[in-house]
Protein backbone atom coordinates (compact mmCIF):
# COMPACT_ATOMS: atom_id res chain seq x y z
CA MET A 1 -11.83 -3.87 37.65
CA PRO A 2 -10.76 -7.18 39.27
CA GLU A 3 -11.27 -7.67 43.01
CA HIS A 4 -7.50 -8.23 43.46
CA PRO A 5 -5.90 -5.49 41.28
CA VAL A 6 -2.49 -5.46 42.98
CA LEU A 7 -1.87 -9.19 42.57
CA ALA A 8 -3.37 -9.23 39.07
CA GLY A 9 -1.17 -6.29 38.06
CA TRP A 10 1.92 -7.97 39.53
CA LEU A 11 1.39 -11.20 37.58
CA ALA A 12 0.45 -9.36 34.37
CA GLY A 13 3.53 -7.14 34.48
CA THR A 14 5.90 -10.04 35.11
CA LEU A 15 4.51 -12.07 32.21
CA GLU A 16 4.51 -9.11 29.82
CA ILE A 17 8.12 -8.01 30.24
CA GLY A 18 9.43 -11.43 29.29
CA VAL A 19 7.92 -10.90 25.85
CA THR A 20 8.75 -7.26 25.18
CA TYR A 21 12.17 -6.52 26.69
CA PRO A 22 14.32 -7.19 23.57
CA ILE A 23 12.40 -4.40 21.81
CA GLU A 24 13.00 -2.12 24.80
CA TYR A 25 16.73 -2.88 24.56
CA VAL A 26 16.86 -1.85 20.89
CA LYS A 27 14.83 1.30 21.56
CA THR A 28 17.13 2.36 24.38
CA GLN A 29 20.30 1.81 22.35
CA LEU A 30 18.93 4.10 19.63
CA GLN A 31 17.82 6.75 22.13
CA LEU A 32 21.31 6.86 23.65
CA GLN A 33 22.95 7.44 20.25
CA GLN A 34 23.22 11.20 20.62
CA GLN A 35 25.69 13.54 18.95
CA ALA A 36 25.87 15.43 22.23
CA SER A 37 27.39 12.36 23.89
CA SER A 38 31.09 11.60 24.17
CA LEU A 39 30.12 7.95 23.57
CA PHE A 40 28.56 8.76 20.19
CA ALA A 41 29.94 6.23 17.70
CA GLY A 42 29.15 8.12 14.49
CA GLU A 43 29.39 5.82 11.47
CA GLY A 44 30.22 2.95 13.81
CA GLY A 45 26.88 3.22 15.57
CA PHE A 46 23.57 1.53 14.91
CA ARG A 47 21.80 2.56 11.69
CA GLY A 48 18.35 1.53 12.82
CA PRO A 49 16.33 -1.04 14.78
CA LEU A 50 17.11 -3.98 12.49
CA HIS A 51 20.82 -3.13 12.31
CA CYS A 52 20.97 -2.82 16.12
CA THR A 53 19.27 -6.20 16.48
CA SER A 54 21.51 -7.96 13.94
CA VAL A 55 24.75 -6.51 15.36
CA THR A 56 23.74 -7.42 18.91
CA LEU A 57 22.86 -10.98 17.89
CA ARG A 58 26.08 -11.38 15.93
CA GLU A 59 28.35 -10.03 18.67
CA HIS A 60 26.57 -11.14 21.85
CA GLY A 61 24.07 -13.81 20.86
CA ILE A 62 20.40 -13.92 21.80
CA MET A 63 21.17 -13.01 25.43
CA GLY A 64 22.63 -9.72 24.24
CA LEU A 65 19.09 -8.49 23.64
CA ASP A 66 18.31 -9.14 27.31
CA ARG A 67 21.11 -6.89 28.60
CA GLY A 68 19.55 -4.94 31.46
CA GLY A 69 16.44 -7.08 31.33
CA ALA A 70 16.98 -8.49 34.82
CA SER A 71 16.12 -5.09 36.26
CA TRP A 72 12.82 -5.04 34.35
CA VAL A 73 12.01 -8.56 35.51
CA MET A 74 12.73 -7.60 39.13
CA PHE A 75 10.54 -4.50 38.94
CA ALA A 76 7.88 -5.64 36.43
CA GLY A 77 5.56 -7.04 39.07
CA PRO A 78 5.86 -4.11 41.49
CA ARG A 79 5.44 -1.61 38.63
CA SER A 80 2.17 -3.08 37.42
CA ALA A 81 0.96 -3.73 40.94
CA VAL A 82 1.57 -0.11 41.95
CA ARG A 83 0.05 1.23 38.72
CA PHE A 84 -3.15 -0.81 38.75
CA GLY A 85 -3.42 -0.80 42.53
CA THR A 86 -3.16 3.00 42.73
CA PHE A 87 -5.59 3.47 39.83
CA ASP A 88 -8.10 1.06 41.38
CA THR A 89 -7.84 2.69 44.81
CA LEU A 90 -8.38 6.15 43.33
CA SER A 91 -11.23 4.89 41.12
CA ARG A 92 -13.02 3.40 44.13
CA PHE A 93 -12.55 6.65 46.05
CA ALA A 94 -13.91 8.66 43.11
CA ALA A 95 -16.91 6.34 42.81
CA SER A 96 -17.64 6.69 46.52
CA ARG A 97 -17.82 10.46 46.00
CA ASP A 98 -19.95 10.15 42.81
CA LEU A 99 -17.24 11.93 40.84
CA PRO A 100 -17.85 10.02 37.57
CA GLU A 101 -21.44 11.28 37.52
CA ARG A 102 -20.46 14.82 38.55
CA ILE A 103 -17.45 15.46 36.28
CA GLY A 104 -17.51 12.54 33.84
CA GLN A 105 -15.75 9.19 33.69
CA SER A 106 -13.06 10.42 31.26
CA ALA A 107 -12.01 13.23 33.59
CA VAL A 108 -11.83 10.80 36.51
CA ASP A 109 -9.79 8.30 34.47
CA THR A 110 -7.41 11.05 33.37
CA ALA A 111 -6.78 12.28 36.92
CA ASN A 112 -6.46 8.76 38.32
CA GLY A 113 -4.13 7.68 35.52
CA PHE A 114 -1.99 10.77 36.03
CA MET A 115 -1.61 10.08 39.75
CA ALA A 116 -1.01 6.36 39.19
CA GLY A 117 1.77 7.27 36.76
CA ILE A 118 3.43 9.59 39.26
CA VAL A 119 3.39 6.98 42.02
CA GLU A 120 4.65 4.21 39.74
CA ALA A 121 7.45 6.35 38.29
CA ALA A 122 8.63 7.60 41.67
CA LEU A 123 8.58 4.27 43.50
CA CYS A 124 9.44 1.71 40.82
CA GLN A 125 10.11 3.01 37.33
CA THR A 126 13.04 5.30 38.09
CA PRO A 127 15.37 2.86 39.91
CA ASN A 128 14.34 0.09 37.51
CA GLN A 129 15.25 2.07 34.41
CA VAL A 130 18.39 3.66 35.86
CA ILE A 131 19.89 0.19 36.30
CA ALA A 132 18.67 -1.11 32.94
CA ILE A 133 19.65 1.98 30.92
CA LYS A 134 23.13 2.15 32.41
CA MET A 135 23.61 -1.53 31.54
CA VAL A 136 22.42 -0.93 27.98
CA HIS A 137 24.63 2.17 27.62
CA ASP A 138 27.56 0.18 28.97
CA SER A 139 27.18 -2.29 26.08
CA ALA A 140 26.87 0.40 23.37
CA PRO A 141 29.46 0.39 20.52
CA ARG A 142 31.66 2.85 22.43
CA GLY A 143 30.47 1.89 25.90
CA PRO A 144 33.04 0.94 28.56
CA LYS A 145 31.62 -2.61 28.90
CA ARG A 146 32.46 -2.84 32.60
CA TYR A 147 29.29 -4.29 34.10
CA THR A 148 29.41 -8.07 34.38
CA GLY A 149 25.75 -8.40 35.27
CA PHE A 150 22.76 -7.01 37.16
CA ALA A 151 24.23 -7.41 40.66
CA HIS A 152 27.55 -5.87 39.60
CA ALA A 153 25.78 -2.91 38.00
CA VAL A 154 23.71 -2.30 41.14
CA SER A 155 26.79 -2.46 43.37
CA CYS A 156 28.75 -0.09 41.12
CA ILE A 157 25.94 2.48 41.04
CA ALA A 158 25.49 2.28 44.81
CA ARG A 159 29.22 2.56 45.50
CA GLU A 160 29.96 5.36 43.04
CA GLU A 161 26.78 7.45 43.21
CA GLY A 162 25.00 6.41 46.39
CA LEU A 163 21.25 5.99 46.79
CA GLY A 164 20.63 9.13 44.73
CA GLY A 165 22.21 7.42 41.73
CA PHE A 166 19.17 5.18 41.45
CA PHE A 167 16.91 8.22 41.11
CA GLN A 168 18.70 10.09 38.33
CA GLY A 169 16.16 11.35 35.81
CA VAL A 170 13.28 11.07 38.26
CA GLY A 171 11.76 14.32 36.91
CA PRO A 172 11.23 13.21 33.29
CA ALA A 173 10.42 9.70 34.52
CA VAL A 174 7.55 11.01 36.67
CA LEU A 175 6.34 13.32 33.88
CA LYS A 176 6.46 10.54 31.29
CA GLY A 177 4.70 8.12 33.62
CA ALA A 178 1.94 10.61 34.36
CA VAL A 179 1.42 11.53 30.69
CA THR A 180 1.48 7.97 29.37
CA ASN A 181 -0.78 6.53 32.07
CA SER A 182 -3.30 9.34 31.61
CA ILE A 183 -3.49 8.62 27.89
CA ARG A 184 -3.50 4.83 28.35
CA PHE A 185 -6.23 4.60 30.98
CA VAL A 186 -8.45 7.18 29.24
CA GLY A 187 -7.89 5.62 25.82
CA TYR A 188 -8.44 2.11 27.09
CA GLY A 189 -11.55 3.17 28.97
CA HIS A 190 -13.06 4.84 25.89
CA ILE A 191 -12.33 1.91 23.59
CA LYS A 192 -13.48 -0.64 26.19
CA ARG A 193 -16.80 1.12 26.74
CA TRP A 194 -17.30 1.40 22.98
CA MET A 195 -16.64 -2.33 22.54
CA GLN A 196 -19.02 -3.19 25.40
CA GLN A 197 -21.98 -1.31 23.93
CA GLY A 198 -25.00 -3.61 23.80
CA ALA A 199 -23.15 -6.51 25.50
CA HIS A 200 -24.23 -7.18 29.08
CA GLU A 201 -24.14 -9.99 31.61
CA GLN A 202 -27.35 -11.47 33.06
CA ASP A 203 -27.08 -9.14 36.03
CA GLY A 204 -26.95 -6.13 33.72
CA ALA A 205 -23.23 -5.44 34.16
CA PRO A 206 -21.16 -4.78 31.01
CA ALA A 207 -19.83 -8.01 29.52
CA PRO A 208 -16.05 -8.50 29.91
CA LEU A 209 -13.92 -7.99 26.83
CA ALA A 210 -12.57 -10.93 24.90
CA PRO A 211 -8.76 -11.23 25.11
CA TRP A 212 -8.29 -9.93 21.56
CA GLN A 213 -10.47 -6.92 22.37
CA SER A 214 -8.42 -6.10 25.48
CA MET A 215 -5.23 -6.49 23.45
CA LEU A 216 -6.47 -4.16 20.71
CA ALA A 217 -7.86 -1.56 23.12
CA GLY A 218 -4.81 -1.52 25.36
CA GLY A 219 -2.33 -1.68 22.49
CA THR A 220 -3.94 1.22 20.64
CA ALA A 221 -4.01 3.38 23.77
CA GLY A 222 -0.39 2.46 24.47
CA ALA A 223 0.83 3.26 20.94
CA VAL A 224 -0.78 6.71 21.07
CA SER A 225 0.82 7.38 24.46
CA ALA A 226 4.24 6.35 23.10
CA LEU A 227 4.06 8.83 20.22
CA PHE A 228 3.08 11.73 22.46
CA SER A 229 5.67 11.00 25.14
CA GLN A 230 8.67 10.01 23.00
CA PRO A 231 10.64 13.28 23.48
CA ILE A 232 10.21 13.00 27.27
CA ASP A 233 11.32 9.37 27.14
CA THR A 234 14.46 10.25 25.17
CA VAL A 235 15.45 12.96 27.65
CA LYS A 236 14.75 10.54 30.49
CA ALA A 237 16.97 7.85 28.95
CA ASN A 238 19.90 10.23 28.59
CA MET A 239 19.41 11.60 32.10
CA MET A 240 19.69 8.01 33.37
CA GLY A 241 22.58 6.86 31.17
CA LEU A 242 26.29 6.73 31.88
CA GLU A 243 26.66 10.41 31.01
CA ALA A 244 23.92 11.75 33.27
CA HIS A 245 26.54 13.92 34.97
CA ARG A 246 26.91 15.96 31.76
CA TYR A 247 23.41 17.42 32.12
CA GLN A 248 22.56 19.96 34.80
CA ASN A 249 18.85 19.17 34.56
CA SER A 250 16.23 17.84 32.15
CA PHE A 251 15.85 21.14 30.32
CA ALA A 252 19.61 21.42 29.82
CA CYS A 253 19.69 17.83 28.60
CA CYS A 254 16.91 18.47 26.07
CA ALA A 255 18.62 21.65 24.84
CA GLN A 256 21.98 19.91 24.37
CA LEU A 257 20.43 17.00 22.50
CA VAL A 258 18.51 19.30 20.15
CA ARG A 259 21.46 21.65 19.65
CA ALA A 260 23.73 18.78 18.66
CA GLY A 261 21.34 16.65 16.61
CA GLY A 262 18.19 18.64 15.90
CA VAL A 263 14.62 18.06 17.08
CA ARG A 264 14.47 14.72 15.28
CA THR A 265 17.02 13.33 17.73
CA LEU A 266 14.31 13.42 20.41
CA PHE A 267 12.47 10.78 18.36
CA ASN A 268 15.36 8.31 18.12
CA GLY A 269 13.93 4.83 18.68
CA VAL A 270 10.30 5.90 18.27
CA GLY A 271 9.56 2.99 15.91
CA PRO A 272 10.52 0.15 18.24
CA ARG A 273 9.01 2.04 21.18
CA VAL A 274 5.59 2.28 19.52
CA VAL A 275 5.74 -1.43 18.65
CA ARG A 276 6.92 -2.37 22.11
CA VAL A 277 4.37 -0.24 23.94
CA PHE A 278 1.52 -1.53 21.74
CA ILE A 279 2.45 -5.08 22.73
CA GLU A 280 3.28 -4.11 26.33
CA VAL A 281 0.11 -2.23 27.15
CA GLY A 282 -2.08 -4.58 25.12
CA LEU A 283 -0.67 -7.57 26.99
CA GLN A 284 -0.87 -5.84 30.35
CA PHE A 285 -4.53 -4.92 30.02
CA THR A 286 -5.36 -8.33 28.49
CA LEU A 287 -3.47 -10.23 31.17
CA PHE A 288 -4.76 -7.91 33.88
CA GLU A 289 -8.36 -8.59 32.88
CA SER A 290 -7.84 -12.35 32.34
CA VAL A 291 -5.63 -12.95 35.39
CA GLY A 292 -7.94 -10.75 37.45
CA ARG A 293 -11.00 -12.87 36.55
CA TRP A 294 -9.03 -16.05 37.33
CA LEU A 295 -7.95 -14.67 40.72
CA ASP A 296 -11.51 -13.58 41.49
CA ARG A 297 -12.70 -17.15 40.91
CA LEU A 298 -9.78 -18.55 42.89
CA MET A 299 -10.13 -16.10 45.79
CA PRO A 300 -13.76 -14.96 45.85
């Protein structure tokens, strides 16, 4: 773990989102296409990831794929900083209590990842995604198209729904964050230790991973986490969208979505999400390791 995890996480998160957000946009549009919604476009909706991309490019140009992206850019640094900073703090505490030796490194990574996910989701992920998802929903085929930009969307949400409006869907957001981070940190840790077998520095410490190794380890862990958490992510997206008021709670939302469109509707957008998360997590861990080593040399 780098000596400056918060700053390394901040820089890594900011760089990563610039690459992956267009895929996030497509994924969100597909997740919000629900038969339970009054904004459901039916035959006039998107038929898949490629159709969504082509229609968006044709009607709105390349910037159409960045709709809502400003929110992710604003929160990307804090998200990664909170995630890696919390995980590192908890890992250091666990090491000081000899917990890895007593209960095993995997158990420690799982617990620390779970807690890091909860903190990240509660403090950063929920308001970030509420703004972004409402902006994406606003631009859907049958969306009202009223937001003129990030600042306008923020002001509208604050004026119409108050501070609580930025925390709609916090329940599934926290659950998803905890589940995905548990899987990602445990998976990355397992793969990293496997790749480091037999490779050590002169002082006996495990040799750092090459960038491609960090990318593969992080991306694989991220893709697995995306598959397992997709239903939670779909419920979360709809709890944060323009029709959040239709759902009494997360369980009611899930029931309405399944009743109207079947269980498969919970996996809308799973393809682009797996691709996006593979790239996202792979880049984050790669950049986190690389930027962290650079910062350690810069600020010993």
